[in-house]
Amino acid sequence: MVVAANGDAPTVPTLLVADPDEEVIHELAAGLEREGVVVTGVTDGAQALLQAGALQPDVVLVGATLPTIGAVEFVRAVRLSRSVPVLLGVGEGHAEQAVQALAAGASACVARPYRVLELLPFIQAASHGGAETRKVLTVGGVELDVNAYQVRVDGRAVHLPLREFELLHYLMRNADRTVTREQIMKHVWNSADGTSTNTIAVHVKRLRARLGDDDDQLIQTVRGVGYRLITPSQVC
């Protein structure tokens, strides 16, 4: 199955998506084609390997549960001959696959269901010949390496489940700004109304505990609105 954006300009960015769910591929392609990206979709790892060699895409996105040839095996095979950026699409319960894929040479992990705005920077950078740059966010003693899926607090490695990693990533990108519960639902859970405020509160509580934020000075609750992650200079 091939879904292409309109236009045949030779400079348009290209993405190969390998995911077992055709509907997921179609939805992603529909969003990316509006941004001028040509998307080729396949549903198993064997097809993905063939298409990666034949099409030479700018970026490859593989789902963590890819059949026939698994995602980790796919990454290892691609890395034998190519340096194309390979993104791993992960959901809840895929932490082990994420660690293995990154060790095998995957460029970064992205949340599944996929979000166009999260994928576009990788695709645009690769299509313009950019190197796979290391993106690290730092707020006080907390350091989040987006590409390596790693978090450190005062130099100490902290393992976060995927959803908490995504939550921290979103809060750090918006440091010193209040984000509403609705914004968190949309950008972290990819849902406008399917996530309860209690679910968010539970994840914030767990994240605080893992970061050692015992007095809620790093992630503050803005009563009736949402949350704010603040830099040390803003702590009162």
Protein backbone atom coordinates (compact mmCIF):
# COMPACT_ATOMS: atom_id res chain seq x y z
CA MET A 1 0.00 0.00 0.00
CA VAL A 2 1.39 3.38 -1.00
CA VAL A 3 -0.09 6.72 -0.01
CA ALA A 4 1.55 9.74 -1.61
CA ALA A 5 1.19 13.45 -1.19
CA ASN A 6 0.12 15.56 -4.14
CA GLY A 7 2.94 16.78 -6.38
CA ASP A 8 5.98 15.10 -7.85
CA ALA A 9 8.67 17.57 -6.88
CA PRO A 10 11.98 15.73 -6.35
CA THR A 11 12.69 17.52 -3.09
CA VAL A 12 9.59 16.44 -1.18
CA PRO A 13 10.40 14.58 2.04
CA THR A 14 9.67 10.85 2.15
CA LEU A 15 8.66 8.57 5.00
CA LEU A 16 8.39 4.78 5.14
CA VAL A 17 5.91 3.61 7.78
CA ALA A 18 5.93 -0.02 8.90
CA ASP A 19 2.99 -0.69 11.19
CA PRO A 20 0.70 -3.74 11.55
CA ASP A 21 -2.42 -1.55 11.52
CA GLU A 22 -3.37 -0.25 8.05
CA GLU A 23 -5.84 2.23 9.53
CA VAL A 24 -3.05 3.78 11.60
CA ILE A 25 -0.96 4.17 8.44
CA HIS A 26 -3.83 5.76 6.53
CA GLU A 27 -4.56 8.26 9.32
CA LEU A 28 -0.91 9.26 9.61
CA ALA A 29 -0.51 9.55 5.83
CA ALA A 30 -3.59 11.76 5.62
CA GLY A 31 -2.09 14.15 8.14
CA LEU A 32 1.40 14.15 6.65
CA GLU A 33 0.27 14.64 3.06
CA ARG A 34 -1.15 18.00 4.10
CA GLU A 35 2.41 18.89 5.09
CA GLY A 36 3.81 17.78 1.74
CA VAL A 37 5.29 14.45 2.85
CA VAL A 38 5.20 11.35 0.65
CA VAL A 39 4.29 8.32 2.76
CA THR A 40 4.77 4.67 1.88
CA GLY A 41 3.12 2.19 4.23
CA VAL A 42 3.73 -1.52 4.80
CA THR A 43 2.39 -3.85 7.45
CA ASP A 44 5.28 -6.17 8.29
CA GLY A 45 9.04 -6.11 8.76
CA ALA A 46 9.92 -8.13 5.66
CA GLN A 47 8.13 -5.66 3.39
CA ALA A 48 9.73 -2.81 5.31
CA LEU A 49 13.23 -4.10 4.62
CA LEU A 50 12.50 -4.44 0.90
CA GLN A 51 10.98 -0.95 0.67
CA ALA A 52 13.76 0.64 2.72
CA GLY A 53 16.27 -0.60 0.18
CA ALA A 54 14.18 0.14 -2.90
CA LEU A 55 12.81 3.57 -1.97
CA GLN A 56 15.69 5.01 0.07
CA PRO A 57 13.28 7.07 2.24
CA ASP A 58 14.42 10.06 4.28
CA VAL A 59 13.02 8.55 7.49
CA VAL A 60 11.64 5.15 8.54
CA LEU A 61 8.99 4.75 11.25
CA VAL A 62 8.41 1.25 12.62
CA GLY A 63 5.83 0.08 15.14
CA ALA A 64 7.16 -1.75 18.18
CA THR A 65 4.91 -4.78 17.46
CA LEU A 66 5.92 -5.20 13.81
CA PRO A 67 5.25 -8.81 12.63
CA THR A 68 7.36 -11.22 10.51
CA ILE A 69 10.58 -9.35 11.19
CA GLY A 70 10.30 -7.53 14.49
CA ALA A 71 11.16 -3.89 15.03
CA VAL A 72 14.44 -4.56 16.83
CA GLU A 73 15.59 -7.03 14.14
CA PHE A 74 14.57 -4.52 11.49
CA VAL A 75 16.69 -1.80 13.07
CA ARG A 76 19.70 -4.11 13.29
CA ALA A 77 19.32 -5.13 9.64
CA VAL A 78 18.96 -1.55 8.39
CA ARG A 79 21.96 -0.39 10.38
CA LEU A 80 24.18 -2.90 8.57
CA SER A 81 23.95 -0.87 5.37
CA ARG A 82 22.26 2.50 5.96
CA SER A 83 22.32 5.46 8.34
CA VAL A 84 18.70 6.51 7.66
CA PRO A 85 16.91 7.82 10.76
CA VAL A 86 14.72 5.05 12.19
CA LEU A 87 11.98 6.02 14.63
CA LEU A 88 10.29 3.46 16.87
CA GLY A 89 6.58 3.89 17.53
CA VAL A 90 5.84 2.80 21.08
CA GLY A 91 2.81 2.62 23.36
CA GLU A 92 2.15 1.49 26.90
CA GLY A 93 4.05 -1.68 27.74
CA HIS A 94 6.72 -1.24 25.07
CA ALA A 95 9.56 -0.02 27.30
CA GLU A 96 11.64 -3.16 26.74
CA GLN A 97 11.34 -2.91 22.94
CA ALA A 98 12.28 0.76 23.17
CA VAL A 99 15.47 0.02 25.10
CA GLN A 100 16.46 -2.80 22.73
CA ALA A 101 15.71 -0.80 19.58
CA LEU A 102 17.69 2.21 20.79
CA ALA A 103 20.61 -0.09 21.64
CA ALA A 104 20.36 -1.58 18.14
CA GLY A 105 20.62 1.86 16.55
CA ALA A 106 17.14 3.39 16.44
CA SER A 107 17.28 7.18 16.33
CA ALA A 108 14.41 7.95 18.72
CA CYS A 109 11.14 6.74 20.16
CA VAL A 110 7.84 8.43 19.34
CA ALA A 111 4.42 7.88 20.83
CA ARG A 112 1.89 5.64 19.12
CA PRO A 113 -0.83 6.67 18.18
CA TYR A 114 1.38 8.87 16.03
CA ARG A 115 1.21 12.64 16.03
CA VAL A 116 2.09 14.61 12.91
CA LEU A 117 3.62 17.49 14.86
CA GLU A 118 5.96 15.11 16.68
CA LEU A 119 7.15 13.43 13.46
CA LEU A 120 7.57 16.48 11.24
CA PRO A 121 10.83 17.80 12.79
CA PHE A 122 12.56 14.45 12.17
CA ILE A 123 11.28 14.24 8.59
CA GLN A 124 12.11 17.84 7.71
CA ALA A 125 15.59 17.66 9.19
CA ALA A 126 16.39 14.43 7.35
CA SER A 127 14.98 15.60 4.02
CA HIS A 128 17.20 18.68 4.15
CA GLY A 129 20.27 16.57 4.67
CA GLY A 130 20.48 17.27 8.38
CA ALA A 131 22.35 14.96 10.67
CA GLU A 132 20.57 13.06 13.38
CA THR A 133 21.08 15.67 16.07
CA ARG A 134 20.82 14.94 19.77
CA LYS A 135 17.99 16.88 21.34
CA VAL A 136 18.39 17.39 25.08
CA LEU A 137 16.11 19.48 27.29
CA THR A 138 17.39 20.71 30.65
CA VAL A 139 15.45 22.34 33.48
CA GLY A 140 17.44 22.73 36.66
CA GLY A 141 18.88 19.34 37.55
CA VAL A 142 16.55 17.43 35.21
CA GLU A 143 17.92 16.46 31.80
CA LEU A 144 15.75 14.74 29.18
CA ASP A 145 17.38 13.24 26.09
CA VAL A 146 14.61 12.92 23.50
CA ASN A 147 16.53 10.76 21.03
CA ALA A 148 17.99 8.36 23.57
CA TYR A 149 14.76 8.14 25.63
CA GLN A 150 16.73 8.91 28.80
CA VAL A 151 16.18 11.08 31.85
CA ARG A 152 18.76 12.13 34.42
CA VAL A 153 18.22 13.99 37.68
CA ASP A 154 21.38 15.59 39.06
CA GLY A 155 23.37 13.19 36.89
CA ARG A 156 21.48 10.10 38.09
CA ALA A 157 19.67 8.02 35.48
CA VAL A 158 15.92 7.74 36.13
CA HIS A 159 13.77 5.23 34.26
CA LEU A 160 10.34 6.53 33.30
CA PRO A 161 7.49 4.55 31.77
CA LEU A 162 6.57 5.87 28.34
CA ARG A 163 3.56 7.94 29.40
CA GLU A 164 5.47 9.63 32.20
CA PHE A 165 8.36 10.31 29.80
CA GLU A 166 5.91 11.96 27.37
CA LEU A 167 4.35 13.95 30.21
CA LEU A 168 7.73 15.21 31.42
CA HIS A 169 8.75 16.02 27.85
CA TYR A 170 5.63 18.12 27.35
CA LEU A 171 6.04 19.94 30.67
CA MET A 172 9.73 20.67 29.97
CA ARG A 173 8.94 22.01 26.50
CA ASN A 174 6.56 24.41 28.23
CA ALA A 175 8.73 25.18 31.25
CA ASP A 176 7.55 28.12 33.37
CA ARG A 177 4.19 28.13 31.58
CA THR A 178 0.95 26.75 32.96
CA VAL A 179 -0.49 23.96 30.80
CA THR A 180 -4.11 23.02 31.25
CA ARG A 181 -5.39 19.52 31.83
CA GLU A 182 -7.08 19.72 28.44
CA GLN A 183 -3.76 20.53 26.76
CA ILE A 184 -2.12 17.59 28.52
CA MET A 185 -4.93 15.29 27.40
CA LYS A 186 -4.47 16.40 23.80
CA HIS A 187 -0.69 16.41 23.56
CA VAL A 188 0.28 13.53 25.87
CA TRP A 189 -2.72 11.20 25.65
CA ASN A 190 -3.66 12.30 22.13
CA SER A 191 -7.23 12.70 23.34
CA ALA A 192 -9.50 15.70 23.82
CA ASP A 193 -11.97 14.03 26.17
CA GLY A 194 -10.99 10.40 26.73
CA THR A 195 -8.64 10.89 29.66
CA SER A 196 -9.89 11.71 33.14
CA THR A 197 -8.29 14.43 35.25
CA ASN A 198 -7.71 11.77 37.89
CA THR A 199 -5.56 9.78 35.44
CA ILE A 200 -3.44 12.85 34.81
CA ALA A 201 -3.14 13.53 38.54
CA VAL A 202 -1.97 9.96 39.18
CA HIS A 203 0.71 10.19 36.49
CA VAL A 204 1.88 13.58 37.80
CA LYS A 205 2.14 12.12 41.30
CA ARG A 206 4.20 9.17 40.05
CA LEU A 207 6.42 11.45 37.98
CA ARG A 208 7.10 13.68 40.97
CA ALA A 209 8.08 10.65 43.05
CA ARG A 210 10.51 9.38 40.41
CA LEU A 211 12.10 12.82 40.03
CA GLY A 212 12.42 13.28 43.79
CA ASP A 213 10.05 16.25 43.74
CA ASP A 214 8.76 15.53 47.23
CA ASP A 215 7.60 19.09 48.00
CA ASP A 216 6.03 19.72 44.56
CA GLN A 217 8.48 22.53 43.86
CA LEU A 218 9.45 21.33 40.38
CA ILE A 219 6.00 20.43 39.09
CA GLN A 220 3.48 22.76 40.65
CA THR A 221 -0.28 22.28 40.64
CA VAL A 222 -2.21 25.31 39.44
CA ARG A 223 -5.49 24.73 41.20
CA GLY A 224 -8.46 24.41 38.88
CA VAL A 225 -6.29 24.83 35.77
CA GLY A 226 -3.42 22.37 35.35
CA TYR A 227 0.30 22.16 36.05
CA ARG A 228 3.50 24.16 35.63
CA LEU A 229 7.08 22.88 35.59
CA ILE A 230 9.31 25.65 36.84
CA THR A 231 13.03 26.39 36.62
CA PRO A 232 14.97 26.79 39.89
CA SER A 233 15.19 30.58 39.45
CA GLN A 234 11.39 30.75 39.53
CA VAL A 235 11.01 28.83 42.78
CA CYS A 236 9.63 31.06 45.54
